[in-house]
C-alpha cells in the first residue's frame, strides 16, 4: 500500500512510500481508507511534542482519523462485516490514516453517517470526539449555561459550536473577521474579533471555556470563568491530575505537575477546575455523533480537499492556521 511517513521527529516533510498492508488481530478489521483529515495533533506527533505520552517507532505513518470501507474482519469481530462503510479515530498506539489501509479495533469504529460523502465523514471523528468528550464528559455542559469556545472557525471549533448549541448553551467564540460569518451561521451568540478585541475584557461570569489554543490564550481564559466553573484544553499542559488518571507513573506525573504549576495557581486563584483532554477513541460516541449528523443537527465544515499525493502541501496549509473548517486528504 501507499503511505505517507516521517523518518524522525522534527519539522520534517512526509514522504510517500510503498509498504505492506497491515495484518489484523482477532478483534480488528482491515479498512480501505477513502479519506482522512489533517489535525493539529499530527503536527504535535511529528514534532515529538507528545513523546511523554505516546512513543512511536519510525518510520511512522501519520494521520488520526478517516473514513473508508471494511475489506477484512478478524475472527472475533462481531459488529462489522466486509463492505461496511465506516469512520473512526484509531487508538493512539495504532495511528496511521495517511495510507491506503489501516488495521483498527472494532471498538473504535462506527458506521459512516449515511448522508455524508467519505470526504465529509473523514472530517468528523477527531473533532467530533474531542468536542463531545470536552463538552459532555468533562464540562458536563447544561442547558442555559454560557461557554467560550476558542478559535470557533477552526476544525474543532466549528463542531464544538454546533454541539454546544444542540446542548442548549449560550456560545461565545473568537474568530477573525473572515471567520465571523461562518461561526455566526453555526449558531455562535457572541463573536469576539481576536485581532481587534480582547475576549478577557468583554466576557465575564462564564460557566465554561473550551480552549484549543493553549499558552497565553488559555491563561487569559481563566479571567472569564465564574467561581466554580470549568476549563478544558486540548492544547494546554497536562497537570498532575491528568498524570494520575492517565496512569503516567510517578516521575511523569511530577513533571506534569512542575510544568503546569502556573495553571494550577490560576485554578486556585479563580476557584475553577482545569482539565487537559487527551481524547480517547470511541465507536459508541461516534454512533451518537452519526445520529446528530443524520438528523441534520450537526453538519461537517470542510475548508479544502487535497489529493493524497499532496499530503505534505495539505499539512503546510493546515499548519499556517488560516483554514476555516477541516482539511481533507482524498485517498481513493
C-alpha atoms as a PDB file:
ATOM      1  CA  UNK A   1       0.000   0.000   0.000  1.00  0.00           C
ATOM      2  CA  UNK A   2       0.970   3.652  -0.347  1.00  0.00           C
ATOM      3  CA  UNK A   3       1.570   5.591   2.859  1.00  0.00           C
ATOM      4  CA  UNK A   4       2.867   8.985   3.986  1.00  0.00           C
ATOM      5  CA  UNK A   5       5.615   8.587   6.589  1.00  0.00           C
ATOM      6  CA  UNK A   6       8.167  10.520   8.610  1.00  0.00           C
ATOM      7  CA  UNK A   7      11.548   9.012   9.482  1.00  0.00           C
ATOM      8  CA  UNK A   8      12.321  11.067  12.600  1.00  0.00           C
ATOM      9  CA  UNK A   9      10.806  13.646  14.916  1.00  0.00           C
ATOM     10  CA  UNK A  10      11.030  17.301  13.960  1.00  0.00           C
ATOM     11  CA  UNK A  11       9.644  19.622  11.302  1.00  0.00           C
ATOM     12  CA  UNK A  12      10.458  17.142   8.565  1.00  0.00           C
ATOM     13  CA  UNK A  13       8.406  16.635   5.399  1.00  0.00           C
ATOM     14  CA  UNK A  14       6.436  13.445   4.915  1.00  0.00           C
ATOM     15  CA  UNK A  15       7.428  11.134   2.096  1.00  0.00           C
ATOM     16  CA  UNK A  16       5.293   8.774   0.035  1.00  0.00           C
ATOM     17  CA  UNK A  17       6.396   5.140   0.322  1.00  0.00           C
ATOM     18  CA  UNK A  18       5.204   1.653  -0.580  1.00  0.00           C
ATOM     19  CA  UNK A  19       4.830  -0.754   2.345  1.00  0.00           C
ATOM     20  CA  UNK A  20       2.916  -3.937   3.203  1.00  0.00           C
ATOM     21  CA  UNK A  21      -0.716  -3.558   4.244  1.00  0.00           C
ATOM     22  CA  UNK A  22      -1.115  -4.146   7.998  1.00  0.00           C
ATOM     23  CA  UNK A  23      -2.122  -7.516   9.434  1.00  0.00           C
ATOM     24  CA  UNK A  24      -5.211  -7.596  11.628  1.00  0.00           C
ATOM     25  CA  UNK A  25      -5.789  -9.057  15.080  1.00  0.00           C
ATOM     26  CA  UNK A  26      -8.814 -11.140  16.017  1.00  0.00           C
ATOM     27  CA  UNK A  27     -10.784  -8.090  17.202  1.00  0.00           C
ATOM     28  CA  UNK A  28      -9.659  -5.821  14.355  1.00  0.00           C
ATOM     29  CA  UNK A  29     -10.864  -5.033  10.856  1.00  0.00           C
ATOM     30  CA  UNK A  30      -8.811  -4.069   7.842  1.00  0.00           C
ATOM     31  CA  UNK A  31     -10.216  -0.835   6.452  1.00  0.00           C
ATOM     32  CA  UNK A  32      -9.616   0.500   2.973  1.00  0.00           C
ATOM     33  CA  UNK A  33      -9.187   4.227   3.601  1.00  0.00           C
ATOM     34  CA  UNK A  34     -11.056   6.549   1.248  1.00  0.00           C
ATOM     35  CA  UNK A  35     -10.361   9.871   3.001  1.00  0.00           C
ATOM     36  CA  UNK A  36      -8.502  11.183   6.044  1.00  0.00           C
ATOM     37  CA  UNK A  37      -8.362  14.551   7.753  1.00  0.00           C
ATOM     38  CA  UNK A  38      -5.481  16.664   8.999  1.00  0.00           C
ATOM     39  CA  UNK A  39      -5.483  17.771  12.627  1.00  0.00           C
ATOM     40  CA  UNK A  40      -3.128  19.769  14.886  1.00  0.00           C
ATOM     41  CA  UNK A  41      -2.246  16.544  16.722  1.00  0.00           C
ATOM     42  CA  UNK A  42      -0.490  15.456  13.511  1.00  0.00           C
ATOM     43  CA  UNK A  43       1.974  18.348  13.845  1.00  0.00           C
ATOM     44  CA  UNK A  44       2.467  17.658  17.549  1.00  0.00           C
ATOM     45  CA  UNK A  45       3.228  13.992  16.937  1.00  0.00           C
ATOM     46  CA  UNK A  46       5.574  14.851  14.059  1.00  0.00           C
ATOM     47  CA  UNK A  47       7.433  17.395  16.190  1.00  0.00           C
ATOM     48  CA  UNK A  48       7.795  14.965  19.105  1.00  0.00           C
ATOM     49  CA  UNK A  49       5.612  17.020  21.427  1.00  0.00           C
ATOM     50  CA  UNK A  50       3.634  14.033  22.695  1.00  0.00           C
ATOM     51  CA  UNK A  51       6.618  11.740  23.330  1.00  0.00           C
ATOM     52  CA  UNK A  52       5.981  11.884  27.079  1.00  0.00           C
ATOM     53  CA  UNK A  53       2.505  10.475  26.461  1.00  0.00           C
ATOM     54  CA  UNK A  54       2.999   8.134  23.488  1.00  0.00           C
ATOM     55  CA  UNK A  55       6.175   6.849  21.840  1.00  0.00           C
ATOM     56  CA  UNK A  56       6.202   5.773  18.197  1.00  0.00           C
ATOM     57  CA  UNK A  57       8.577   3.680  16.121  1.00  0.00           C
ATOM     58  CA  UNK A  58       9.971   5.101  12.902  1.00  0.00           C
ATOM     59  CA  UNK A  59       9.169   5.241  10.073  1.00  0.00           C
ATOM     60  CA  UNK A  60       5.788   6.459  11.276  1.00  0.00           C
ATOM     61  CA  UNK A  61       2.598   6.823   9.246  1.00  0.00           C
ATOM     62  CA  UNK A  62       0.851   9.990  10.392  1.00  0.00           C
ATOM     63  CA  UNK A  63      -2.917  10.555  10.445  1.00  0.00           C
ATOM     64  CA  UNK A  64      -5.502  10.295  13.212  1.00  0.00           C
ATOM     65  CA  UNK A  65      -8.938   9.838  11.649  1.00  0.00           C
ATOM     66  CA  UNK A  66     -10.516   8.522   8.460  1.00  0.00           C
ATOM     67  CA  UNK A  67     -13.493   7.114   6.607  1.00  0.00           C
ATOM     68  CA  UNK A  68     -13.465   4.030   4.468  1.00  0.00           C
ATOM     69  CA  UNK A  69     -14.744   0.516   3.815  1.00  0.00           C
ATOM     70  CA  UNK A  70     -14.196  -2.739   5.732  1.00  0.00           C
ATOM     71  CA  UNK A  71     -12.367  -5.227   3.481  1.00  0.00           C
ATOM     72  CA  UNK A  72     -11.476  -7.916   6.052  1.00  0.00           C
ATOM     73  CA  UNK A  73     -12.589  -8.799   9.595  1.00  0.00           C
ATOM     74  CA  UNK A  74     -10.796 -10.576  12.414  1.00  0.00           C
ATOM     75  CA  UNK A  75     -12.012 -13.928  13.755  1.00  0.00           C
ATOM     76  CA  UNK A  76     -13.760 -12.423  16.803  1.00  0.00           C
ATOM     77  CA  UNK A  77     -15.204  -9.275  15.226  1.00  0.00           C
ATOM     78  CA  UNK A  78     -18.985  -9.278  15.759  1.00  0.00           C
ATOM     79  CA  UNK A  79     -20.272  -5.789  14.917  1.00  0.00           C
ATOM     80  CA  UNK A  80     -18.916  -5.211  11.397  1.00  0.00           C
ATOM     81  CA  UNK A  81     -18.763  -7.074   8.109  1.00  0.00           C
ATOM     82  CA  UNK A  82     -16.940  -6.740   4.800  1.00  0.00           C
ATOM     83  CA  UNK A  83     -18.429  -3.885   2.794  1.00  0.00           C
ATOM     84  CA  UNK A  84     -19.487  -1.738   5.743  1.00  0.00           C
ATOM     85  CA  UNK A  85     -18.797   1.974   5.260  1.00  0.00           C
ATOM     86  CA  UNK A  86     -17.177   3.240   8.463  1.00  0.00           C
ATOM     87  CA  UNK A  87     -15.496   6.201  10.081  1.00  0.00           C
ATOM     88  CA  UNK A  88     -13.164   6.230  13.066  1.00  0.00           C
ATOM     89  CA  UNK A  89     -10.386   7.665  15.144  1.00  0.00           C
ATOM     90  CA  UNK A  90      -7.896   4.825  15.833  1.00  0.00           C
ATOM     91  CA  UNK A  91      -6.369   4.440  19.277  1.00  0.00           C
ATOM     92  CA  UNK A  92      -3.148   6.356  19.832  1.00  0.00           C
ATOM     93  CA  UNK A  93      -0.920   3.297  19.588  1.00  0.00           C
ATOM     94  CA  UNK A  94      -2.392   2.412  16.175  1.00  0.00           C
ATOM     95  CA  UNK A  95      -2.485   5.727  14.265  1.00  0.00           C
ATOM     96  CA  UNK A  96      -1.647   5.904  10.574  1.00  0.00           C
ATOM     97  CA  UNK A  97      -4.567   7.074   8.449  1.00  0.00           C
ATOM     98  CA  UNK A  98      -2.424   8.765   5.790  1.00  0.00           C
ATOM     99  CA  UNK A  99      -2.318   5.438   3.999  1.00  0.00           C
ATOM    100  CA  UNK A 100      -4.451   3.189   1.806  1.00  0.00           C
ATOM    101  CA  UNK A 101      -5.233   0.674   4.587  1.00  0.00           C
ATOM    102  CA  UNK A 102      -5.350   0.523   8.370  1.00  0.00           C
ATOM    103  CA  UNK A 103      -5.931  -2.202  10.959  1.00  0.00           C
ATOM    104  CA  UNK A 104      -8.311  -0.909  13.622  1.00  0.00           C
ATOM    105  CA  UNK A 105     -10.098  -2.378  16.668  1.00  0.00           C
ATOM    106  CA  UNK A 106     -13.842  -2.778  16.226  1.00  0.00           C
ATOM    107  CA  UNK A 107     -14.484  -0.819  19.446  1.00  0.00           C
ATOM    108  CA  UNK A 108     -13.076   2.309  17.763  1.00  0.00           C
ATOM    109  CA  UNK A 109     -15.340   2.135  14.686  1.00  0.00           C
ATOM    110  CA  UNK A 110     -18.829   3.330  13.803  1.00  0.00           C
ATOM    111  CA  UNK A 111     -20.844   3.146  10.613  1.00  0.00           C
ATOM    112  CA  UNK A 112     -20.350   6.249   8.492  1.00  0.00           C
ATOM    113  CA  UNK A 113     -23.257   8.740   8.614  1.00  0.00           C
ATOM    114  CA  UNK A 114     -25.435   7.757   5.672  1.00  0.00           C
ATOM    115  CA  UNK A 115     -25.904  11.313   4.424  1.00  0.00           C
ATOM    116  CA  UNK A 116     -22.185  12.133   4.174  1.00  0.00           C
ATOM    117  CA  UNK A 117     -19.600  11.502   1.470  1.00  0.00           C
ATOM    118  CA  UNK A 118     -16.377   9.792   2.504  1.00  0.00           C
ATOM    119  CA  UNK A 119     -14.616  13.175   2.459  1.00  0.00           C
ATOM    120  CA  UNK A 120     -17.260  14.745   4.703  1.00  0.00           C
ATOM    121  CA  UNK A 121     -17.255  11.773   7.058  1.00  0.00           C
ATOM    122  CA  UNK A 122     -13.458  11.871   7.392  1.00  0.00           C
ATOM    123  CA  UNK A 123     -13.727  15.417   8.747  1.00  0.00           C
ATOM    124  CA  UNK A 124     -15.685  14.306  11.806  1.00  0.00           C
ATOM    125  CA  UNK A 125     -14.093  11.633  14.064  1.00  0.00           C
ATOM    126  CA  UNK A 126     -11.298  13.514  15.821  1.00  0.00           C
ATOM    127  CA  UNK A 127     -13.045  16.890  16.160  1.00  0.00           C
ATOM    128  CA  UNK A 128     -16.355  15.214  16.959  1.00  0.00           C
ATOM    129  CA  UNK A 129     -14.955  13.008  19.711  1.00  0.00           C
ATOM    130  CA  UNK A 130     -12.814  15.839  21.093  1.00  0.00           C
ATOM    131  CA  UNK A 131     -15.818  18.175  21.298  1.00  0.00           C
ATOM    132  CA  UNK A 132     -18.148  15.511  22.668  1.00  0.00           C
ATOM    133  CA  UNK A 133     -15.733  14.469  25.420  1.00  0.00           C
ATOM    134  CA  UNK A 134     -14.906  18.082  26.302  1.00  0.00           C
ATOM    135  CA  UNK A 135     -18.484  19.369  26.456  1.00  0.00           C
ATOM    136  CA  UNK A 136     -20.285  16.256  27.686  1.00  0.00           C
ATOM    137  CA  UNK A 137     -17.833  14.198  29.738  1.00  0.00           C
ATOM    138  CA  UNK A 138     -15.674  16.929  31.282  1.00  0.00           C
ATOM    139  CA  UNK A 139     -17.581  20.222  31.261  1.00  0.00           C
ATOM    140  CA  UNK A 140     -20.970  18.485  31.618  1.00  0.00           C
ATOM    141  CA  UNK A 141     -22.471  21.478  29.857  1.00  0.00           C
ATOM    142  CA  UNK A 142     -26.085  22.202  30.825  1.00  0.00           C
ATOM    143  CA  UNK A 143     -28.911  23.968  29.033  1.00  0.00           C
ATOM    144  CA  UNK A 144     -28.734  27.702  29.681  1.00  0.00           C
ATOM    145  CA  UNK A 145     -25.055  27.754  30.631  1.00  0.00           C
ATOM    146  CA  UNK A 146     -22.548  30.060  28.942  1.00  0.00           C
ATOM    147  CA  UNK A 147     -19.436  28.707  27.231  1.00  0.00           C
ATOM    148  CA  UNK A 148     -16.496  30.334  25.460  1.00  0.00           C
ATOM    149  CA  UNK A 149     -15.144  28.216  22.596  1.00  0.00           C
ATOM    150  CA  UNK A 150     -11.767  29.473  21.407  1.00  0.00           C
ATOM    151  CA  UNK A 151     -10.967  29.584  17.660  1.00  0.00           C
ATOM    152  CA  UNK A 152     -14.526  28.936  16.511  1.00  0.00           C
ATOM    153  CA  UNK A 153     -13.733  28.800  12.793  1.00  0.00           C
ATOM    154  CA  UNK A 154     -11.169  26.012  13.215  1.00  0.00           C
ATOM    155  CA  UNK A 155     -11.816  22.308  12.807  1.00  0.00           C
ATOM    156  CA  UNK A 156     -12.675  21.629  16.459  1.00  0.00           C
ATOM    157  CA  UNK A 157     -14.397  24.979  16.912  1.00  0.00           C
ATOM    158  CA  UNK A 158     -16.858  24.540  14.046  1.00  0.00           C
ATOM    159  CA  UNK A 159     -18.036  21.233  15.501  1.00  0.00           C
ATOM    160  CA  UNK A 160     -17.987  22.359  19.150  1.00  0.00           C
ATOM    161  CA  UNK A 161     -20.169  25.412  18.462  1.00  0.00           C
ATOM    162  CA  UNK A 162     -22.826  23.235  16.863  1.00  0.00           C
ATOM    163  CA  UNK A 163     -22.709  20.689  19.688  1.00  0.00           C
ATOM    164  CA  UNK A 164     -22.885  23.371  22.399  1.00  0.00           C
ATOM    165  CA  UNK A 165     -25.931  24.936  20.729  1.00  0.00           C
ATOM    166  CA  UNK A 166     -27.524  21.488  20.434  1.00  0.00           C
ATOM    167  CA  UNK A 167     -26.996  21.129  24.205  1.00  0.00           C
ATOM    168  CA  UNK A 168     -28.813  24.434  24.794  1.00  0.00           C
ATOM    169  CA  UNK A 169     -25.844  26.595  25.786  1.00  0.00           C
ATOM    170  CA  UNK A 170     -25.114  30.231  25.007  1.00  0.00           C
ATOM    171  CA  UNK A 171     -21.911  30.316  22.953  1.00  0.00           C
ATOM    172  CA  UNK A 172     -19.233  32.970  22.647  1.00  0.00           C
ATOM    173  CA  UNK A 173     -16.296  32.373  20.336  1.00  0.00           C
ATOM    174  CA  UNK A 174     -13.186  34.054  18.984  1.00  0.00           C
ATOM    175  CA  UNK A 175     -12.692  34.439  15.243  1.00  0.00           C
ATOM    176  CA  UNK A 176     -11.186  36.758  12.669  1.00  0.00           C
ATOM    177  CA  UNK A 177     -13.376  38.992  10.546  1.00  0.00           C
ATOM    178  CA  UNK A 178     -13.023  36.407   7.762  1.00  0.00           C
ATOM    179  CA  UNK A 179     -14.400  33.662  10.006  1.00  0.00           C
ATOM    180  CA  UNK A 180     -17.177  35.627  11.682  1.00  0.00           C
ATOM    181  CA  UNK A 181     -19.895  34.811   9.143  1.00  0.00           C
ATOM    182  CA  UNK A 182     -19.113  31.111   9.397  1.00  0.00           C
ATOM    183  CA  UNK A 183     -19.295  30.927  13.206  1.00  0.00           C
ATOM    184  CA  UNK A 184     -22.465  33.044  13.189  1.00  0.00           C
ATOM    185  CA  UNK A 185     -24.071  30.609  10.737  1.00  0.00           C
ATOM    186  CA  UNK A 186     -23.209  27.764  13.125  1.00  0.00           C
ATOM    187  CA  UNK A 187     -25.079  29.448  15.969  1.00  0.00           C
ATOM    188  CA  UNK A 188     -22.472  31.477  17.886  1.00  0.00           C
ATOM    189  CA  UNK A 189     -24.262  34.067  20.047  1.00  0.00           C
ATOM    190  CA  UNK A 190     -21.285  36.386  20.612  1.00  0.00           C
ATOM    191  CA  UNK A 191     -18.262  36.724  18.340  1.00  0.00           C
ATOM    192  CA  UNK A 192     -15.033  38.320  19.534  1.00  0.00           C
ATOM    193  CA  UNK A 193     -12.683  39.542  16.811  1.00  0.00           C
ATOM    194  CA  UNK A 194      -9.410  38.347  18.294  1.00  0.00           C
ATOM    195  CA  UNK A 195      -7.412  40.741  16.106  1.00  0.00           C
ATOM    196  CA  UNK A 196      -9.056  43.898  17.443  1.00  0.00           C
ATOM    197  CA  UNK A 197     -10.777  42.887  20.713  1.00  0.00           C
ATOM    198  CA  UNK A 198      -9.752  41.240  23.985  1.00  0.00           C
ATOM    199  CA  UNK A 199     -12.115  38.458  24.966  1.00  0.00           C
ATOM    200  CA  UNK A 200     -10.932  38.545  28.579  1.00  0.00           C
ATOM    201  CA  UNK A 201     -12.180  42.132  28.898  1.00  0.00           C
ATOM    202  CA  UNK A 202     -15.515  41.571  27.152  1.00  0.00           C
ATOM    203  CA  UNK A 203     -16.702  38.276  28.669  1.00  0.00           C
ATOM    204  CA  UNK A 204     -17.461  37.666  32.354  1.00  0.00           C
ATOM    205  CA  UNK A 205     -19.148  35.035  34.536  1.00  0.00           C
ATOM    206  CA  UNK A 206     -18.955  32.211  32.014  1.00  0.00           C
ATOM    207  CA  UNK A 207     -19.627  28.667  33.192  1.00  0.00           C
ATOM    208  CA  UNK A 208     -17.082  27.019  30.929  1.00  0.00           C
ATOM    209  CA  UNK A 209     -14.244  27.518  28.450  1.00  0.00           C
ATOM    210  CA  UNK A 210     -13.200  25.071  25.746  1.00  0.00           C
ATOM    211  CA  UNK A 211      -9.620  26.033  24.843  1.00  0.00           C
ATOM    212  CA  UNK A 212      -7.988  24.837  21.626  1.00  0.00           C
ATOM    213  CA  UNK A 213      -5.014  27.226  21.578  1.00  0.00           C
ATOM    214  CA  UNK A 214      -3.104  26.890  24.864  1.00  0.00           C
ATOM    215  CA  UNK A 215      -0.385  29.270  26.064  1.00  0.00           C
ATOM    216  CA  UNK A 216      -1.290  32.857  26.908  1.00  0.00           C
ATOM    217  CA  UNK A 217      -4.811  32.483  25.484  1.00  0.00           C
ATOM    218  CA  UNK A 218      -5.503  29.629  27.917  1.00  0.00           C
ATOM    219  CA  UNK A 219      -4.162  31.662  30.846  1.00  0.00           C
ATOM    220  CA  UNK A 220      -6.362  34.637  29.960  1.00  0.00           C
ATOM    221  CA  UNK A 221      -9.360  32.317  29.702  1.00  0.00           C
ATOM    222  CA  UNK A 222      -9.382  31.918  33.493  1.00  0.00           C
ATOM    223  CA  UNK A 223     -10.457  35.559  33.745  1.00  0.00           C
ATOM    224  CA  UNK A 224     -13.828  34.952  32.069  1.00  0.00           C
ATOM    225  CA  UNK A 225     -14.872  31.988  34.228  1.00  0.00           C
ATOM    226  CA  UNK A 226     -17.077  32.387  37.279  1.00  0.00           C
ATOM    227  CA  UNK A 227     -16.143  30.728  40.577  1.00  0.00           C
ATOM    228  CA  UNK A 228     -16.834  27.003  40.388  1.00  0.00           C
ATOM    229  CA  UNK A 229     -16.580  26.946  36.582  1.00  0.00           C
ATOM    230  CA  UNK A 230     -14.535  24.644  34.393  1.00  0.00           C
ATOM    231  CA  UNK A 231     -11.893  24.936  31.682  1.00  0.00           C
ATOM    232  CA  UNK A 232     -10.909  22.100  29.370  1.00  0.00           C
ATOM    233  CA  UNK A 233      -7.974  22.386  26.962  1.00  0.00           C
ATOM    234  CA  UNK A 234      -6.597  20.214  24.194  1.00  0.00           C
ATOM    235  CA  UNK A 235      -3.564  22.478  23.735  1.00  0.00           C
ATOM    236  CA  UNK A 236      -2.586  23.330  27.305  1.00  0.00           C
ATOM    237  CA  UNK A 237      -0.199  21.411  29.521  1.00  0.00           C
ATOM    238  CA  UNK A 238      -1.075  18.121  31.228  1.00  0.00           C
ATOM    239  CA  UNK A 239      -1.264  18.545  35.009  1.00  0.00           C
ATOM    240  CA  UNK A 240      -0.746  16.147  37.926  1.00  0.00           C
ATOM    241  CA  UNK A 241      -4.421  15.141  37.953  1.00  0.00           C
ATOM    242  CA  UNK A 242      -4.159  14.108  34.301  1.00  0.00           C
ATOM    243  CA  UNK A 243      -0.963  12.166  35.015  1.00  0.00           C
ATOM    244  CA  UNK A 244      -2.660  10.144  37.765  1.00  0.00           C
ATOM    245  CA  UNK A 245      -5.795   9.472  35.711  1.00  0.00           C
ATOM    246  CA  UNK A 246      -3.766   8.562  32.607  1.00  0.00           C
ATOM    247  CA  UNK A 247      -1.531   6.221  34.613  1.00  0.00           C
ATOM    248  CA  UNK A 248       1.637   8.075  33.665  1.00  0.00           C
ATOM    249  CA  UNK A 249       3.625   6.934  36.695  1.00  0.00           C
ATOM    250  CA  UNK A 250       5.211   8.949  39.484  1.00  0.00           C
ATOM    251  CA  UNK A 251       8.060  10.562  37.514  1.00  0.00           C
ATOM    252  CA  UNK A 252       5.979  11.783  34.572  1.00  0.00           C
ATOM    253  CA  UNK A 253       3.194  12.936  36.887  1.00  0.00           C
ATOM    254  CA  UNK A 254       5.747  15.006  38.792  1.00  0.00           C
ATOM    255  CA  UNK A 255       6.981  16.512  35.520  1.00  0.00           C
ATOM    256  CA  UNK A 256       3.413  17.409  34.565  1.00  0.00           C
ATOM    257  CA  UNK A 257       2.898  18.992  37.990  1.00  0.00           C
ATOM    258  CA  UNK A 258       6.004  21.156  37.656  1.00  0.00           C
ATOM    259  CA  UNK A 259       5.296  22.169  34.037  1.00  0.00           C
ATOM    260  CA  UNK A 260       1.686  23.141  34.794  1.00  0.00           C
ATOM    261  CA  UNK A 261       2.302  24.972  38.095  1.00  0.00           C
ATOM    262  CA  UNK A 262       1.136  28.291  36.625  1.00  0.00           C
ATOM    263  CA  UNK A 263      -2.177  26.767  35.547  1.00  0.00           C
ATOM    264  CA  UNK A 264      -2.593  25.199  38.987  1.00  0.00           C
ATOM    265  CA  UNK A 265      -2.086  28.631  40.579  1.00  0.00           C
ATOM    266  CA  UNK A 266      -4.721  30.099  38.273  1.00  0.00           C
ATOM    267  CA  UNK A 267      -7.096  27.245  39.180  1.00  0.00           C
ATOM    268  CA  UNK A 268      -6.815  28.099  42.867  1.00  0.00           C
ATOM    269  CA  UNK A 269      -6.913  31.869  42.352  1.00  0.00           C
ATOM    270  CA  UNK A 270     -10.145  31.759  40.325  1.00  0.00           C
ATOM    271  CA  UNK A 271     -11.643  28.661  42.016  1.00  0.00           C
ATOM    272  CA  UNK A 272     -12.119  26.803  38.738  1.00  0.00           C
ATOM    273  CA  UNK A 273     -11.254  23.312  37.573  1.00  0.00           C
ATOM    274  CA  UNK A 274      -8.723  22.916  34.741  1.00  0.00           C
ATOM    275  CA  UNK A 275      -8.626  19.673  32.764  1.00  0.00           C
ATOM    276  CA  UNK A 276      -6.248  18.653  29.999  1.00  0.00           C
ATOM    277  CA  UNK A 277      -8.044  16.484  27.432  1.00  0.00           C
ATOM    278  CA  UNK A 278      -6.182  13.756  25.590  1.00  0.00           C
ATOM    279  CA  UNK A 279      -9.117  12.427  23.604  1.00  0.00           C
ATOM    280  CA  UNK A 280      -9.968   8.708  23.612  1.00  0.00           C
ATOM    281  CA  UNK A 281     -11.308   6.743  20.627  1.00  0.00           C
ATOM    282  CA  UNK A 282     -14.903   5.582  20.999  1.00  0.00           C
ATOM    283  CA  UNK A 283     -17.082   3.844  18.467  1.00  0.00           C
ATOM    284  CA  UNK A 284     -20.032   4.269  20.832  1.00  0.00           C
ATOM    285  CA  UNK A 285     -19.683   8.059  20.872  1.00  0.00           C
ATOM    286  CA  UNK A 286     -19.186   8.125  17.093  1.00  0.00           C
ATOM    287  CA  UNK A 287     -22.543   6.352  16.744  1.00  0.00           C
ATOM    288  CA  UNK A 288     -24.185   9.128  18.775  1.00  0.00           C
ATOM    289  CA  UNK A 289     -22.454  11.754  16.640  1.00  0.00           C
ATOM    290  CA  UNK A 290     -23.608   9.971  13.463  1.00  0.00           C
ATOM    291  CA  UNK A 291     -27.178  10.297  14.718  1.00  0.00           C
ATOM    292  CA  UNK A 292     -26.722  14.056  15.236  1.00  0.00           C
ATOM    293  CA  UNK A 293     -25.463  14.328  11.657  1.00  0.00           C
ATOM    294  CA  UNK A 294     -28.083  12.101  10.045  1.00  0.00           C
ATOM    295  CA  UNK A 295     -30.881  14.061  11.742  1.00  0.00           C
ATOM    296  CA  UNK A 296     -29.435  17.356  10.479  1.00  0.00           C
ATOM    297  CA  UNK A 297     -28.465  18.719  13.896  1.00  0.00           C
ATOM    298  CA  UNK A 298     -24.728  18.960  13.079  1.00  0.00           C
ATOM    299  CA  UNK A 299     -23.050  19.364   9.703  1.00  0.00           C
ATOM    300  CA  UNK A 300     -19.421  18.950   8.608  1.00  0.00           C
ATOM    301  CA  UNK A 301     -17.451  22.060   7.703  1.00  0.00           C
ATOM    302  CA  UNK A 302     -14.699  21.500   5.126  1.00  0.00           C
ATOM    303  CA  UNK A 303     -12.203  24.121   4.029  1.00  0.00           C
ATOM    304  CA  UNK A 304     -10.315  22.236   1.315  1.00  0.00           C
ATOM    305  CA  UNK A 305      -9.763  18.755  -0.110  1.00  0.00           C
ATOM    306  CA  UNK A 306      -6.285  17.721  -1.299  1.00  0.00           C
ATOM    307  CA  UNK A 307      -5.306  14.649  -3.338  1.00  0.00           C
ATOM    308  CA  UNK A 308      -3.286  12.092  -1.376  1.00  0.00           C
ATOM    309  CA  UNK A 309      -0.119  12.896  -3.316  1.00  0.00           C
ATOM    310  CA  UNK A 310      -0.296  16.472  -1.982  1.00  0.00           C
ATOM    311  CA  UNK A 311      -0.433  15.430   1.678  1.00  0.00           C
ATOM    312  CA  UNK A 312       2.662  17.482   2.522  1.00  0.00           C
ATOM    313  CA  UNK A 313       1.116  20.599   0.941  1.00  0.00           C
ATOM    314  CA  UNK A 314      -2.050  19.923   2.914  1.00  0.00           C
ATOM    315  CA  UNK A 315      -0.045  19.713   6.156  1.00  0.00           C
ATOM    316  CA  UNK A 316       1.673  23.002   5.386  1.00  0.00           C
ATOM    317  CA  UNK A 317      -1.655  24.650   4.601  1.00  0.00           C
ATOM    318  CA  UNK A 318      -3.134  23.339   7.854  1.00  0.00           C
ATOM    319  CA  UNK A 319      -0.139  24.475   9.874  1.00  0.00           C
ATOM    320  CA  UNK A 320      -0.492  28.020   8.526  1.00  0.00           C
ATOM    321  CA  UNK A 321      -3.653  28.239  10.619  1.00  0.00           C
ATOM    322  CA  UNK A 322      -5.869  30.010   8.095  1.00  0.00           C
ATOM    323  CA  UNK A 323      -8.289  27.169   7.343  1.00  0.00           C
ATOM    324  CA  UNK A 324     -11.999  27.595   8.067  1.00  0.00           C
ATOM    325  CA  UNK A 325     -13.133  24.102   8.967  1.00  0.00           C
ATOM    326  CA  UNK A 326     -11.372  20.848   8.138  1.00  0.00           C
ATOM    327  CA  UNK A 327      -8.661  19.933   5.620  1.00  0.00           C
ATOM    328  CA  UNK A 328      -9.158  16.565   3.932  1.00  0.00           C
ATOM    329  CA  UNK A 329      -6.960  14.112   2.060  1.00  0.00           C
ATOM    330  CA  UNK A 330      -8.814  12.213  -0.673  1.00  0.00           C
ATOM    331  CA  UNK A 331      -7.078   8.850  -0.778  1.00  0.00           C
ATOM    332  CA  UNK A 332      -9.462   6.936  -3.112  1.00  0.00           C
END
